[in-house]
Full PDB file with SEQRES, HELIX, SHEET, SSBOND, CRYST1, ORIGX, SCALE, CONECT and MASTER records, all heavy atoms in Angstrom:
SEQRES   1 A   32  THR LEU ILE ARG LEU LEU THR PRO GLU ASN ARG LYS LEU          
SEQRES   2 A   32  MET ARG VAL ILE ARG ASP ALA LYS PRO LYS SER VAL SER          
SEQRES   3 A   32  GLU LEU ALA ARG LEU THR                                      
HELIX    1 AA1 LEU A    2  LEU A    5  1                                   4    
HELIX    2 AA2 PRO A    8  ALA A   20  1                                  13    
HELIX    3 AA3 VAL A   25  LEU A   31  1                                   7    
CRYST1    1.000    1.000    1.000  90.00  90.00  90.00 P 1           1          
ORIGX1      1.000000  0.000000  0.000000        0.00000                         
ORIGX2      0.000000  1.000000  0.000000        0.00000                         
ORIGX3      0.000000  0.000000  1.000000        0.00000                         
SCALE1      1.000000  0.000000  0.000000        0.00000                         
SCALE2      0.000000  1.000000  0.000000        0.00000                         
SCALE3      0.000000  0.000000  1.000000        0.00000                         
ATOM      1  N   THR A   1       0.834  -1.204   0.000  1.00  0.00           N  
ATOM      2  CA  THR A   1       0.000   0.000   0.000  1.00  0.00           C  
ATOM      3  C   THR A   1       0.867   1.251   0.000  1.00  0.00           C  
ATOM      4  O   THR A   1       0.623   2.196  -0.747  1.00  0.00           O  
ATOM      5  CB  THR A   1      -0.927   0.004   1.235  1.00  0.00           C  
ATOM      6  OG1 THR A   1      -1.694  -1.193   1.245  1.00  0.00           O  
ATOM      7  CG2 THR A   1      -1.843   1.208   1.239  1.00  0.00           C  
ATOM      8  N   LEU A   2       1.891   1.254   0.840  1.00  0.00           N  
ATOM      9  CA  LEU A   2       2.781   2.416   0.911  1.00  0.00           C  
ATOM     10  C   LEU A   2       3.663   2.525  -0.325  1.00  0.00           C  
ATOM     11  O   LEU A   2       3.919   3.623  -0.812  1.00  0.00           O  
ATOM     12  CB  LEU A   2       3.652   2.336   2.155  1.00  0.00           C  
ATOM     13  CG  LEU A   2       2.922   2.563   3.461  1.00  0.00           C  
ATOM     14  CD1 LEU A   2       3.888   2.428   4.624  1.00  0.00           C  
ATOM     15  CD2 LEU A   2       2.279   3.916   3.489  1.00  0.00           C  
ATOM     16  N   ILE A   3       4.119   1.404  -0.809  1.00  0.00           N  
ATOM     17  CA  ILE A   3       4.986   1.420  -1.992  1.00  0.00           C  
ATOM     18  C   ILE A   3       4.235   2.011  -3.183  1.00  0.00           C  
ATOM     19  O   ILE A   3       4.795   2.784  -3.956  1.00  0.00           O  
ATOM     20  CB  ILE A   3       5.535   0.014  -2.277  1.00  0.00           C  
ATOM     21  CG1 ILE A   3       6.526  -0.368  -1.167  1.00  0.00           C  
ATOM     22  CG2 ILE A   3       6.190  -0.062  -3.653  1.00  0.00           C  
ATOM     23  CD1 ILE A   3       6.952  -1.818  -1.175  1.00  0.00           C  
ATOM     24  N   ARG A   4       2.937   1.690  -3.307  1.00  0.00           N  
ATOM     25  CA  ARG A   4       2.129   2.265  -4.405  1.00  0.00           C  
ATOM     26  C   ARG A   4       2.017   3.774  -4.282  1.00  0.00           C  
ATOM     27  O   ARG A   4       1.882   4.478  -5.268  1.00  0.00           O  
ATOM     28  CB  ARG A   4       0.734   1.634  -4.421  1.00  0.00           C  
ATOM     29  CG  ARG A   4       0.676   0.279  -5.072  1.00  0.00           C  
ATOM     30  CD  ARG A   4      -0.756  -0.154  -5.362  1.00  0.00           C  
ATOM     31  NE  ARG A   4      -1.601  -0.219  -4.189  1.00  0.00           N  
ATOM     32  CZ  ARG A   4      -1.721  -1.283  -3.396  1.00  0.00           C  
ATOM     33  NH1 ARG A   4      -1.028  -2.373  -3.650  1.00  0.00           N  
ATOM     34  NH2 ARG A   4      -2.523  -1.247  -2.357  1.00  0.00           N  
ATOM     35  N   LEU A   5       2.084   4.297  -3.073  1.00  0.00           N  
ATOM     36  CA  LEU A   5       2.012   5.747  -2.862  1.00  0.00           C  
ATOM     37  C   LEU A   5       3.320   6.441  -3.253  1.00  0.00           C  
ATOM     38  O   LEU A   5       3.326   7.624  -3.587  1.00  0.00           O  
ATOM     39  CB  LEU A   5       1.677   6.034  -1.398  1.00  0.00           C  
ATOM     40  CG  LEU A   5       1.420   7.469  -0.992  1.00  0.00           C  
ATOM     41  CD1 LEU A   5       0.231   8.056  -1.742  1.00  0.00           C  
ATOM     42  CD2 LEU A   5       1.176   7.556   0.501  1.00  0.00           C  
ATOM     43  N   LEU A   6       4.411   5.699  -3.237  1.00  0.00           N  
ATOM     44  CA  LEU A   6       5.723   6.298  -3.521  1.00  0.00           C  
ATOM     45  C   LEU A   6       6.042   6.266  -5.015  1.00  0.00           C  
ATOM     46  O   LEU A   6       7.083   5.777  -5.440  1.00  0.00           O  
ATOM     47  CB  LEU A   6       6.805   5.568  -2.711  1.00  0.00           C  
ATOM     48  CG  LEU A   6       6.680   5.739  -1.201  1.00  0.00           C  
ATOM     49  CD1 LEU A   6       7.692   4.855  -0.484  1.00  0.00           C  
ATOM     50  CD2 LEU A   6       6.857   7.190  -0.806  1.00  0.00           C  
ATOM     51  N   THR A   7       5.162   6.831  -5.808  1.00  0.00           N  
ATOM     52  CA  THR A   7       5.379   6.929  -7.249  1.00  0.00           C  
ATOM     53  C   THR A   7       6.504   7.923  -7.519  1.00  0.00           C  
ATOM     54  O   THR A   7       6.827   8.760  -6.659  1.00  0.00           O  
ATOM     55  CB  THR A   7       4.102   7.425  -7.962  1.00  0.00           C  
ATOM     56  OG1 THR A   7       3.824   8.758  -7.504  1.00  0.00           O  
ATOM     57  CG2 THR A   7       2.915   6.511  -7.694  1.00  0.00           C  
ATOM     58  N   PRO A   8       7.088   7.891  -8.710  1.00  0.00           N  
ATOM     59  CA  PRO A   8       8.115   8.899  -9.033  1.00  0.00           C  
ATOM     60  C   PRO A   8       7.598  10.326  -8.875  1.00  0.00           C  
ATOM     61  O   PRO A   8       8.319  11.201  -8.390  1.00  0.00           O  
ATOM     62  CB  PRO A   8       8.475   8.584 -10.491  1.00  0.00           C  
ATOM     63  CG  PRO A   8       8.184   7.124 -10.636  1.00  0.00           C  
ATOM     64  CD  PRO A   8       6.972   6.871  -9.763  1.00  0.00           C  
ATOM     65  N   GLU A   9       6.338  10.570  -9.254  1.00  0.00           N  
ATOM     66  CA  GLU A   9       5.773  11.920  -9.135  1.00  0.00           C  
ATOM     67  C   GLU A   9       5.662  12.336  -7.666  1.00  0.00           C  
ATOM     68  O   GLU A   9       5.964  13.479  -7.315  1.00  0.00           O  
ATOM     69  CB  GLU A   9       4.386  12.000  -9.790  1.00  0.00           C  
ATOM     70  CG  GLU A   9       4.398  11.779 -11.292  1.00  0.00           C  
ATOM     71  CD  GLU A   9       4.431  10.293 -11.671  1.00  0.00           C  
ATOM     72  OE1 GLU A   9       4.124   9.422 -10.820  1.00  0.00           O  
ATOM     73  OE2 GLU A   9       4.777  10.005 -12.823  1.00  0.00           O  
ATOM     74  N   ASN A  10       5.224  11.421  -6.809  1.00  0.00           N  
ATOM     75  CA  ASN A  10       5.087  11.760  -5.392  1.00  0.00           C  
ATOM     76  C   ASN A  10       6.451  11.918  -4.723  1.00  0.00           C  
ATOM     77  O   ASN A  10       6.614  12.754  -3.832  1.00  0.00           O  
ATOM     78  CB  ASN A  10       4.247  10.709  -4.666  1.00  0.00           C  
ATOM     79  CG  ASN A  10       2.781  10.794  -5.035  1.00  0.00           C  
ATOM     80  OD1 ASN A  10       2.347  11.752  -5.671  1.00  0.00           O  
ATOM     81  ND2 ASN A  10       2.019   9.789  -4.667  1.00  0.00           N  
ATOM     82  N   ARG A  11       7.439  11.148  -5.151  1.00  0.00           N  
ATOM     83  CA  ARG A  11       8.793  11.322  -4.608  1.00  0.00           C  
ATOM     84  C   ARG A  11       9.356  12.676  -5.016  1.00  0.00           C  
ATOM     85  O   ARG A  11       9.997  13.358  -4.218  1.00  0.00           O  
ATOM     86  CB  ARG A  11       9.708  10.202  -5.081  1.00  0.00           C  
ATOM     87  CG  ARG A  11       9.403   8.879  -4.438  1.00  0.00           C  
ATOM     88  CD  ARG A  11      10.302   7.814  -5.002  1.00  0.00           C  
ATOM     89  NE  ARG A  11       9.974   6.542  -4.399  1.00  0.00           N  
ATOM     90  CZ  ARG A  11      10.824   5.546  -4.316  1.00  0.00           C  
ATOM     91  NH1 ARG A  11      12.053   5.664  -4.777  1.00  0.00           N  
ATOM     92  NH2 ARG A  11      10.455   4.409  -3.772  1.00  0.00           N  
ATOM     93  N   LYS A  12       9.102  13.073  -6.244  1.00  0.00           N  
ATOM     94  CA  LYS A  12       9.564  14.392  -6.694  1.00  0.00           C  
ATOM     95  C   LYS A  12       8.879  15.490  -5.880  1.00  0.00           C  
ATOM     96  O   LYS A  12       9.526  16.448  -5.451  1.00  0.00           O  
ATOM     97  CB  LYS A  12       9.266  14.572  -8.184  1.00  0.00           C  
ATOM     98  CG  LYS A  12       9.735  15.893  -8.740  1.00  0.00           C  
ATOM     99  CD  LYS A  12       9.422  16.018 -10.215  1.00  0.00           C  
ATOM    100  CE  LYS A  12       9.852  17.382 -10.719  1.00  0.00           C  
ATOM    101  NZ  LYS A  12       9.452  17.599 -12.112  1.00  0.00           N  
ATOM    102  N   LEU A  13       7.579  15.325  -5.636  1.00  0.00           N  
ATOM    103  CA  LEU A  13       6.827  16.289  -4.835  1.00  0.00           C  
ATOM    104  C   LEU A  13       7.415  16.386  -3.427  1.00  0.00           C  
ATOM    105  O   LEU A  13       7.643  17.484  -2.912  1.00  0.00           O  
ATOM    106  CB  LEU A  13       5.356  15.872  -4.766  1.00  0.00           C  
ATOM    107  CG  LEU A  13       4.448  16.698  -3.867  1.00  0.00           C  
ATOM    108  CD1 LEU A  13       4.355  18.145  -4.359  1.00  0.00           C  
ATOM    109  CD2 LEU A  13       3.064  16.059  -3.810  1.00  0.00           C  
ATOM    110  N   MET A  14       7.699  15.246  -2.809  1.00  0.00           N  
ATOM    111  CA  MET A  14       8.266  15.264  -1.461  1.00  0.00           C  
ATOM    112  C   MET A  14       9.668  15.886  -1.456  1.00  0.00           C  
ATOM    113  O   MET A  14      10.036  16.566  -0.515  1.00  0.00           O  
ATOM    114  CB  MET A  14       8.291  13.851  -0.872  1.00  0.00           C  
ATOM    115  CG  MET A  14       6.891  13.359  -0.535  1.00  0.00           C  
ATOM    116  SD  MET A  14       6.806  11.853   0.460  1.00  0.00           S  
ATOM    117  CE  MET A  14       7.711  10.695  -0.513  1.00  0.00           C  
ATOM    118  N   ARG A  15      10.430  15.687  -2.528  1.00  0.00           N  
ATOM    119  CA  ARG A  15      11.754  16.306  -2.625  1.00  0.00           C  
ATOM    120  C   ARG A  15      11.629  17.827  -2.700  1.00  0.00           C  
ATOM    121  O   ARG A  15      12.387  18.554  -2.061  1.00  0.00           O  
ATOM    122  CB  ARG A  15      12.516  15.760  -3.833  1.00  0.00           C  
ATOM    123  CG  ARG A  15      13.958  16.263  -3.905  1.00  0.00           C  
ATOM    124  CD  ARG A  15      14.793  15.603  -4.999  1.00  0.00           C  
ATOM    125  NE  ARG A  15      14.148  15.584  -6.301  1.00  0.00           N  
ATOM    126  CZ  ARG A  15      13.694  14.480  -6.915  1.00  0.00           C  
ATOM    127  NH1 ARG A  15      13.808  13.308  -6.355  1.00  0.00           N  
ATOM    128  NH2 ARG A  15      13.121  14.559  -8.096  1.00  0.00           N  
ATOM    129  N   VAL A  16      10.653  18.316  -3.464  1.00  0.00           N  
ATOM    130  CA  VAL A  16      10.424  19.766  -3.552  1.00  0.00           C  
ATOM    131  C   VAL A  16      10.033  20.312  -2.178  1.00  0.00           C  
ATOM    132  O   VAL A  16      10.536  21.357  -1.748  1.00  0.00           O  
ATOM    133  CB  VAL A  16       9.354  20.105  -4.612  1.00  0.00           C  
ATOM    134  CG1 VAL A  16       8.957  21.576  -4.550  1.00  0.00           C  
ATOM    135  CG2 VAL A  16       9.857  19.753  -6.007  1.00  0.00           C  
ATOM    136  N   ILE A  17       9.175  19.588  -1.461  1.00  0.00           N  
ATOM    137  CA  ILE A  17       8.780  20.031  -0.116  1.00  0.00           C  
ATOM    138  C   ILE A  17       9.998  20.097   0.789  1.00  0.00           C  
ATOM    139  O   ILE A  17      10.190  21.070   1.511  1.00  0.00           O  
ATOM    140  CB  ILE A  17       7.704  19.092   0.472  1.00  0.00           C  
ATOM    141  CG1 ILE A  17       6.398  19.214  -0.320  1.00  0.00           C  
ATOM    142  CG2 ILE A  17       7.469  19.384   1.949  1.00  0.00           C  
ATOM    143  CD1 ILE A  17       5.369  18.145   0.007  1.00  0.00           C  
ATOM    144  N   ARG A  18      10.831  19.067   0.745  1.00  0.00           N  
ATOM    145  CA  ARG A  18      12.020  19.033   1.607  1.00  0.00           C  
ATOM    146  C   ARG A  18      13.033  20.110   1.240  1.00  0.00           C  
ATOM    147  O   ARG A  18      13.545  20.824   2.100  1.00  0.00           O  
ATOM    148  CB  ARG A  18      12.687  17.654   1.499  1.00  0.00           C  
ATOM    149  CG  ARG A  18      13.928  17.521   2.382  1.00  0.00           C  
ATOM    150  CD  ARG A  18      14.779  16.340   2.006  1.00  0.00           C  
ATOM    151  NE  ARG A  18      15.324  16.538   0.672  1.00  0.00           N  
ATOM    152  CZ  ARG A  18      15.854  15.563  -0.063  1.00  0.00           C  
ATOM    153  NH1 ARG A  18      15.887  14.337   0.393  1.00  0.00           N  
ATOM    154  NH2 ARG A  18      16.329  15.817  -1.258  1.00  0.00           N  
ATOM    155  N   ASP A  19      13.311  20.261  -0.050  1.00  0.00           N  
ATOM    156  CA  ASP A  19      14.400  21.148  -0.476  1.00  0.00           C  
ATOM    157  C   ASP A  19      13.985  22.616  -0.603  1.00  0.00           C  
ATOM    158  O   ASP A  19      14.730  23.504  -0.210  1.00  0.00           O  
ATOM    159  CB  ASP A  19      14.988  20.656  -1.797  1.00  0.00           C  
ATOM    160  CG  ASP A  19      15.630  19.288  -1.679  1.00  0.00           C  
ATOM    161  OD1 ASP A  19      15.871  18.826  -0.538  1.00  0.00           O  
ATOM    162  OD2 ASP A  19      15.886  18.658  -2.731  1.00  0.00           O  
ATOM    163  N   ALA A  20      12.804  22.870  -1.158  1.00  0.00           N  
ATOM    164  CA  ALA A  20      12.374  24.256  -1.384  1.00  0.00           C  
ATOM    165  C   ALA A  20      11.678  24.849  -0.164  1.00  0.00           C  
ATOM    166  O   ALA A  20      11.556  26.060  -0.053  1.00  0.00           O  
ATOM    167  CB  ALA A  20      11.454  24.330  -2.601  1.00  0.00           C  
ATOM    168  N   LYS A  21      11.197  24.003   0.733  1.00  0.00           N  
ATOM    169  CA  LYS A  21      10.498  24.453   1.949  1.00  0.00           C  
ATOM    170  C   LYS A  21       9.426  25.504   1.622  1.00  0.00           C  
ATOM    171  O   LYS A  21       9.480  26.641   2.103  1.00  0.00           O  
ATOM    172  CB  LYS A  21      11.488  24.994   2.970  1.00  0.00           C  
ATOM    173  CG  LYS A  21      12.461  23.947   3.474  1.00  0.00           C  
ATOM    174  CD  LYS A  21      13.492  24.567   4.395  1.00  0.00           C  
ATOM    175  CE  LYS A  21      14.486  23.571   4.911  1.00  0.00           C  
ATOM    176  NZ  LYS A  21      15.117  22.674   3.985  1.00  0.00           N  
ATOM    177  N   PRO A  22       8.436  25.130   0.796  1.00  0.00           N  
ATOM    178  CA  PRO A  22       7.397  26.105   0.430  1.00  0.00           C  
ATOM    179  C   PRO A  22       6.641  26.590   1.664  1.00  0.00           C  
ATOM    180  O   PRO A  22       6.437  25.844   2.621  1.00  0.00           O  
ATOM    181  CB  PRO A  22       6.476  25.316  -0.507  1.00  0.00           C  
ATOM    182  CG  PRO A  22       6.732  23.887  -0.178  1.00  0.00           C  
ATOM    183  CD  PRO A  22       8.152  23.802   0.272  1.00  0.00           C  
ATOM    184  N   LYS A  23       6.258  27.839   1.642  1.00  0.00           N  
ATOM    185  CA  LYS A  23       5.577  28.471   2.773  1.00  0.00           C  
ATOM    186  C   LYS A  23       4.065  28.261   2.743  1.00  0.00           C  
ATOM    187  O   LYS A  23       3.364  28.672   3.657  1.00  0.00           O  
ATOM    188  CB  LYS A  23       5.870  29.970   2.791  1.00  0.00           C  
ATOM    189  CG  LYS A  23       7.344  30.296   2.840  1.00  0.00           C  
ATOM    190  CD  LYS A  23       7.948  29.916   4.184  1.00  0.00           C  
ATOM    191  CE  LYS A  23       9.385  30.354   4.275  1.00  0.00           C  
ATOM    192  NZ  LYS A  23      10.322  29.292   4.472  1.00  0.00           N  
ATOM    193  N   SER A  24       3.556  27.645   1.649  1.00  0.00           N  
ATOM    194  CA  SER A  24       2.118  27.394   1.543  1.00  0.00           C  
ATOM    195  C   SER A  24       1.877  26.365   0.443  1.00  0.00           C  
ATOM    196  O   SER A  24       2.763  26.068  -0.366  1.00  0.00           O  
ATOM    197  CB  SER A  24       1.372  28.678   1.192  1.00  0.00           C  
ATOM    198  OG  SER A  24       1.713  29.108  -0.110  1.00  0.00           O  
ATOM    199  N   VAL A  25       0.657  25.844   0.410  1.00  0.00           N  
ATOM    200  CA  VAL A  25       0.275  24.916  -0.649  1.00  0.00           C  
ATOM    201  C   VAL A  25       0.253  25.657  -1.985  1.00  0.00           C  
ATOM    202  O   VAL A  25       0.636  25.103  -3.008  1.00  0.00           O  
ATOM    203  CB  VAL A  25      -1.086  24.256  -0.334  1.00  0.00           C  
ATOM    204  CG1 VAL A  25      -1.586  23.430  -1.511  1.00  0.00           C  
ATOM    205  CG2 VAL A  25      -0.986  23.392   0.919  1.00  0.00           C  
ATOM    206  N   SER A  26      -0.154  26.914  -1.969  1.00  0.00           N  
ATOM    207  CA  SER A  26      -0.171  27.708  -3.211  1.00  0.00           C  
ATOM    208  C   SER A  26       1.232  27.831  -3.794  1.00  0.00           C  
ATOM    209  O   SER A  26       1.430  27.677  -5.007  1.00  0.00           O  
ATOM    210  CB  SER A  26      -0.730  29.106  -2.954  1.00  0.00           C  
ATOM    211  OG  SER A  26      -2.043  29.027  -2.503  1.00  0.00           O  
ATOM    212  N   GLU A  27       2.203  28.096  -2.932  1.00  0.00           N  
ATOM    213  CA  GLU A  27       3.587  28.189  -3.403  1.00  0.00           C  
ATOM    214  C   GLU A  27       4.062  26.847  -3.947  1.00  0.00           C  
ATOM    215  O   GLU A  27       4.726  26.780  -4.983  1.00  0.00           O  
ATOM    216  CB  GLU A  27       4.507  28.649  -2.275  1.00  0.00           C  
ATOM    217  CG  GLU A  27       5.961  28.800  -2.706  1.00  0.00           C  
ATOM    218  CD  GLU A  27       6.879  29.222  -1.569  1.00  0.00           C  
ATOM    219  OE1 GLU A  27       6.392  29.680  -0.513  1.00  0.00           O  
ATOM    220  OE2 GLU A  27       8.107  29.082  -1.758  1.00  0.00           O  
ATOM    221  N   LEU A  28       3.697  25.766  -3.280  1.00  0.00           N  
ATOM    222  CA  LEU A  28       4.071  24.429  -3.753  1.00  0.00           C  
ATOM    223  C   LEU A  28       3.439  24.132  -5.108  1.00  0.00           C  
ATOM    224  O   LEU A  28       4.092  23.565  -5.982  1.00  0.00           O  
ATOM    225  CB  LEU A  28       3.662  23.367  -2.719  1.00  0.00           C  
ATOM    226  CG  LEU A  28       4.012  21.928  -3.066  1.00  0.00           C  
ATOM    227  CD1 LEU A  28       5.521  21.749  -3.244  1.00  0.00           C  
ATOM    228  CD2 LEU A  28       3.484  20.985  -1.984  1.00  0.00           C  
ATOM    229  N   ALA A  29       2.197  24.554  -5.304  1.00  0.00           N  
ATOM    230  CA  ALA A  29       1.527  24.361  -6.599  1.00  0.00           C  
ATOM    231  C   ALA A  29       2.289  25.093  -7.700  1.00  0.00           C  
ATOM    232  O   ALA A  29       2.483  24.553  -8.798  1.00  0.00           O  
ATOM    233  CB  ALA A  29       0.078  24.848  -6.525  1.00  0.00           C  
ATOM    234  N   ARG A  30       2.749  26.319  -7.406  1.00  0.00           N  
ATOM    235  CA  ARG A  30       3.529  27.067  -8.405  1.00  0.00           C  
ATOM    236  C   ARG A  30       4.862  26.379  -8.693  1.00  0.00           C  
ATOM    237  O   ARG A  30       5.290  26.280  -9.835  1.00  0.00           O  
ATOM    238  CB  ARG A  30       3.777  28.500  -7.931  1.00  0.00           C  
ATOM    239  CG  ARG A  30       2.565  29.413  -8.053  1.00  0.00           C  
ATOM    240  CD  ARG A  30       2.912  30.878  -7.814  1.00  0.00           C  
ATOM    241  NE  ARG A  30       3.533  31.136  -6.532  1.00  0.00           N  
ATOM    242  CZ  ARG A  30       2.881  31.311  -5.385  1.00  0.00           C  
ATOM    243  NH1 ARG A  30       1.561  31.258  -5.369  1.00  0.00           N  
ATOM    244  NH2 ARG A  30       3.520  31.555  -4.265  1.00  0.00           N  
ATOM    245  N   LEU A  31       5.522  25.895  -7.643  1.00  0.00           N  
ATOM    246  CA  LEU A  31       6.829  25.255  -7.811  1.00  0.00           C  
ATOM    247  C   LEU A  31       6.744  23.964  -8.624  1.00  0.00           C  
ATOM    248  O   LEU A  31       7.671  23.623  -9.353  1.00  0.00           O  
ATOM    249  CB  LEU A  31       7.457  24.948  -6.445  1.00  0.00           C  
ATOM    250  CG  LEU A  31       7.930  26.129  -5.619  1.00  0.00           C  
ATOM    251  CD1 LEU A  31       8.271  25.685  -4.200  1.00  0.00           C  
ATOM    252  CD2 LEU A  31       9.142  26.784  -6.280  1.00  0.00           C  
ATOM    253  N   THR A  32       5.634  23.238  -8.461  1.00  0.00           N  
ATOM    254  CA  THR A  32       5.506  21.930  -9.110  1.00  0.00           C  
ATOM    255  C   THR A  32       4.658  21.963 -10.371  1.00  0.00           C  
ATOM    256  O   THR A  32       4.538  20.948 -11.050  1.00  0.00           O  
ATOM    257  CB  THR A  32       4.892  20.908  -8.131  1.00  0.00           C  
ATOM    258  OG1 THR A  32       3.610  21.376  -7.697  1.00  0.00           O  
ATOM    259  CG2 THR A  32       5.802  20.675  -6.936  1.00  0.00           C  
TER     260      THR A  32                                                      
MASTER        0    0    0    3    0    0    0    6  259    1    0    3          
END                                                                             
């Protein structure tokens, strides 16, 4: 179940969250 959640797209999203530290969901939407 968890492995299915760890798609390449979701891993990229989590990397952006970790590295860019967006201040809001809106900022994350713009970044991604």
